[in-house]
Amino acid sequence: GGGPVGLIFALLLKDLIPSNNLLIKIYDRRWCRNTESSTVSWKSIIEGNARRQQVVTLQSKQYRQLPLAIQERIFVQGSYSEMWPIPNDFNGYRPRNVRIAHIEDVLLEIANQTECIELIPQKFDAEKINIKDQHLLVICEGSRSKTRQKFIKKFGTPDTSIYSLDGSN
């Protein structure tokens, strides 16, 4: 999936493996191809894509791990607010509240500009796409995704305990 997790993973992978032979493919059905610019963008609400307008709090310990170039593009003046008082600050950096749609827009823009990332505006179909020649498959989709279900026998079920209270769902 090409949401924040999938895009950040691809960009971090590119940052960690600076190779000319690296090719990262990201599939997302919520995208469309712009014929004029040959870039990929988010479909509109008219095309069936209701963008998430929720605000997410990014902890400083996490966002400070991102490459500086990504931090600078996400945290432009006016695109976030900082929490006060400072809970668990990291070297003086406060947690930041940012709209999810803004994060997705910035990450997609960066991915469009990254040569080794191929953005594919369609749903990943595990039945039709041959992954045997690929080195790594990362599923960044919801827990009920068909892709996750397709590979559950091969990789096992995800650990849900990190999303539970006192060990129960």
Protein backbone atom coordinates (compact mmCIF):
# COMPACT_ATOMS: atom_id res chain seq x y z
CA GLY A 1 0.00 0.00 0.00
CA GLY A 2 1.08 3.54 -0.71
CA GLY A 3 -0.04 5.20 2.48
CA PRO A 4 2.40 6.76 4.95
CA VAL A 5 3.85 3.40 6.07
CA GLY A 6 4.44 2.04 2.55
CA LEU A 7 5.92 5.29 1.23
CA ILE A 8 8.16 5.87 4.26
CA PHE A 9 9.37 2.27 4.10
CA ALA A 10 10.28 2.63 0.42
CA LEU A 11 12.08 5.94 0.99
CA LEU A 12 13.99 4.59 3.98
CA LEU A 13 14.94 1.46 2.04
CA LYS A 14 16.28 3.66 -0.76
CA ASP A 15 18.20 5.70 1.81
CA LEU A 16 19.67 2.58 3.44
CA ILE A 17 20.54 0.78 0.19
CA PRO A 18 22.14 3.32 -2.15
CA SER A 19 22.36 1.01 -5.16
CA ASN A 20 21.83 1.66 -8.86
CA ASN A 21 20.24 -1.81 -9.13
CA LEU A 22 17.52 -1.18 -6.56
CA LEU A 23 13.93 -1.14 -7.82
CA ILE A 24 11.06 -0.60 -5.42
CA LYS A 25 7.49 -1.04 -6.64
CA ILE A 26 4.59 0.41 -4.70
CA TYR A 27 1.00 -0.39 -5.61
CA ASP A 28 -1.99 1.67 -4.50
CA ARG A 29 -5.49 1.74 -5.96
CA ARG A 30 -6.08 5.25 -4.55
CA TRP A 31 -3.62 6.76 -7.07
CA CYS A 32 -3.98 7.84 -10.67
CA ARG A 33 -1.38 8.67 -13.32
CA ASN A 34 -1.17 12.27 -14.55
CA THR A 35 -0.73 11.99 -18.30
CA GLU A 36 0.81 15.45 -18.66
CA SER A 37 3.51 15.11 -16.01
CA SER A 38 3.88 11.28 -15.91
CA THR A 39 3.63 11.47 -12.13
CA VAL A 40 1.24 9.70 -9.79
CA SER A 41 -1.18 11.61 -7.57
CA TRP A 42 -4.05 10.86 -5.24
CA LYS A 43 -7.44 10.26 -6.81
CA SER A 44 -10.07 12.83 -5.93
CA ILE A 45 -13.18 12.24 -3.85
CA ILE A 46 -15.14 12.22 -7.14
CA GLU A 47 -12.99 9.25 -8.22
CA GLY A 48 -13.84 7.45 -4.96
CA ASN A 49 -10.92 8.43 -2.76
CA ALA A 50 -11.95 10.18 0.44
CA ARG A 51 -8.66 11.53 1.80
CA ARG A 52 -8.03 11.18 5.51
CA GLN A 53 -8.08 14.53 7.24
CA GLN A 54 -7.25 13.20 10.70
CA VAL A 55 -4.32 14.63 12.58
CA VAL A 56 -1.63 12.25 13.80
CA THR A 57 0.89 12.98 16.55
CA LEU A 58 4.43 12.11 15.51
CA GLN A 59 6.72 11.52 18.44
CA SER A 60 10.08 13.26 18.19
CA LYS A 61 11.97 10.01 18.79
CA GLN A 62 10.36 8.62 15.62
CA TYR A 63 10.38 11.57 13.24
CA ARG A 64 13.98 12.44 14.12
CA GLN A 65 14.95 9.02 12.70
CA LEU A 66 13.74 10.06 9.24
CA PRO A 67 16.30 11.43 6.80
CA LEU A 68 16.68 15.19 7.25
CA ALA A 69 15.49 15.88 3.69
CA ILE A 70 12.17 14.16 4.45
CA GLN A 71 11.80 15.97 7.78
CA GLU A 72 12.36 19.32 6.10
CA ARG A 73 9.68 18.61 3.48
CA ILE A 74 7.07 17.35 5.95
CA PHE A 75 7.59 20.02 8.58
CA VAL A 76 7.33 23.22 6.59
CA GLN A 77 6.14 26.31 8.42
CA GLY A 78 2.39 26.14 9.06
CA SER A 79 1.99 22.42 8.31
CA TYR A 80 2.19 21.21 11.92
CA SER A 81 1.70 22.24 15.52
CA GLU A 82 3.88 21.24 18.44
CA MET A 83 2.56 19.77 21.65
CA TRP A 84 2.81 21.67 24.89
CA PRO A 85 3.94 20.89 27.53
CA ILE A 86 6.74 18.76 26.21
CA PRO A 87 6.07 15.08 27.03
CA ASN A 88 9.08 12.84 26.59
CA ASP A 89 10.92 15.29 24.39
CA PHE A 90 13.96 14.10 22.50
CA ASN A 91 16.88 16.52 22.68
CA GLY A 92 14.50 19.47 22.85
CA TYR A 93 12.25 18.37 19.97
CA ARG A 94 8.54 18.25 20.70
CA PRO A 95 5.96 15.81 19.32
CA ARG A 96 4.26 17.32 16.27
CA ASN A 97 0.65 17.14 15.12
CA VAL A 98 0.30 16.83 11.35
CA ARG A 99 -2.61 16.02 9.01
CA ILE A 100 -2.23 12.53 7.55
CA ALA A 101 -3.15 13.84 4.08
CA HIS A 102 -0.24 16.32 4.25
CA ILE A 103 2.20 13.54 5.15
CA GLU A 104 0.87 11.37 2.31
CA ASP A 105 1.11 14.26 -0.18
CA VAL A 106 4.72 15.05 0.73
CA LEU A 107 5.83 11.41 0.72
CA LEU A 108 4.15 10.74 -2.64
CA GLU A 109 5.80 13.84 -4.10
CA ILE A 110 9.22 12.65 -2.91
CA ALA A 111 8.58 9.11 -4.22
CA ASN A 112 7.59 10.57 -7.63
CA GLN A 113 11.01 12.23 -7.74
CA THR A 114 12.97 9.14 -6.67
CA GLU A 115 14.32 7.20 -9.64
CA CYS A 116 14.39 3.73 -8.12
CA ILE A 117 10.76 3.89 -6.95
CA GLU A 118 8.07 2.80 -9.39
CA LEU A 119 4.61 3.97 -8.37
CA ILE A 120 1.88 1.73 -9.76
CA PRO A 121 -1.63 3.19 -9.56
CA GLN A 122 -3.51 -0.07 -9.16
CA LYS A 123 -4.42 -2.53 -6.47
CA PHE A 124 -1.79 -5.20 -5.82
CA ASP A 125 -3.27 -8.52 -6.90
CA ALA A 126 -1.36 -11.36 -5.28
CA GLU A 127 -3.09 -13.86 -7.60
CA LYS A 128 -1.94 -12.16 -10.83
CA ILE A 129 1.44 -10.65 -9.98
CA ASN A 130 4.39 -13.05 -9.87
CA ILE A 131 6.62 -12.26 -6.90
CA LYS A 132 8.97 -15.25 -7.23
CA ASP A 133 11.76 -13.13 -8.74
CA GLN A 134 11.46 -10.41 -6.11
CA HIS A 135 13.78 -10.21 -3.13
CA LEU A 136 11.44 -8.63 -0.60
CA LEU A 137 7.67 -8.31 -0.21
CA VAL A 138 6.39 -5.76 2.28
CA ILE A 139 2.66 -5.62 2.94
CA CYS A 140 1.67 -2.17 4.18
CA GLU A 141 -2.07 -2.65 4.14
CA GLY A 142 -4.82 -3.08 6.69
CA SER A 143 -5.24 -6.25 8.70
CA ARG A 144 -8.09 -7.46 6.48
CA SER A 145 -6.26 -7.07 3.17
CA LYS A 146 -6.49 -9.83 0.58
CA THR A 147 -2.72 -9.66 0.12
CA ARG A 148 -2.15 -10.38 3.79
CA GLN A 149 -4.64 -13.27 3.66
CA LYS A 150 -2.97 -14.70 0.53
CA PHE A 151 0.41 -15.02 2.28
CA ILE A 152 -0.79 -15.92 5.79
CA LYS A 153 0.08 -19.63 5.38
CA LYS A 154 3.57 -18.74 4.21
CA PHE A 155 4.41 -16.00 6.75
CA GLY A 156 1.96 -16.57 9.60
CA THR A 157 -0.46 -14.22 11.25
CA PRO A 158 0.64 -10.75 12.37
CA ASP A 159 1.36 -10.15 16.03
CA THR A 160 -1.74 -8.33 17.28
CA SER A 161 -0.51 -8.05 20.86
CA ILE A 162 1.12 -4.68 20.17
CA TYR A 163 -2.38 -3.30 19.46
CA SER A 164 -4.08 -4.86 22.48
CA LEU A 165 -4.81 -3.85 26.02
CA ASP A 166 -3.55 -6.30 28.64
CA GLY A 167 -3.02 -8.97 25.97
CA SER A 168 -6.60 -8.99 24.71
CA ASN A 169 -7.98 -7.51 21.49
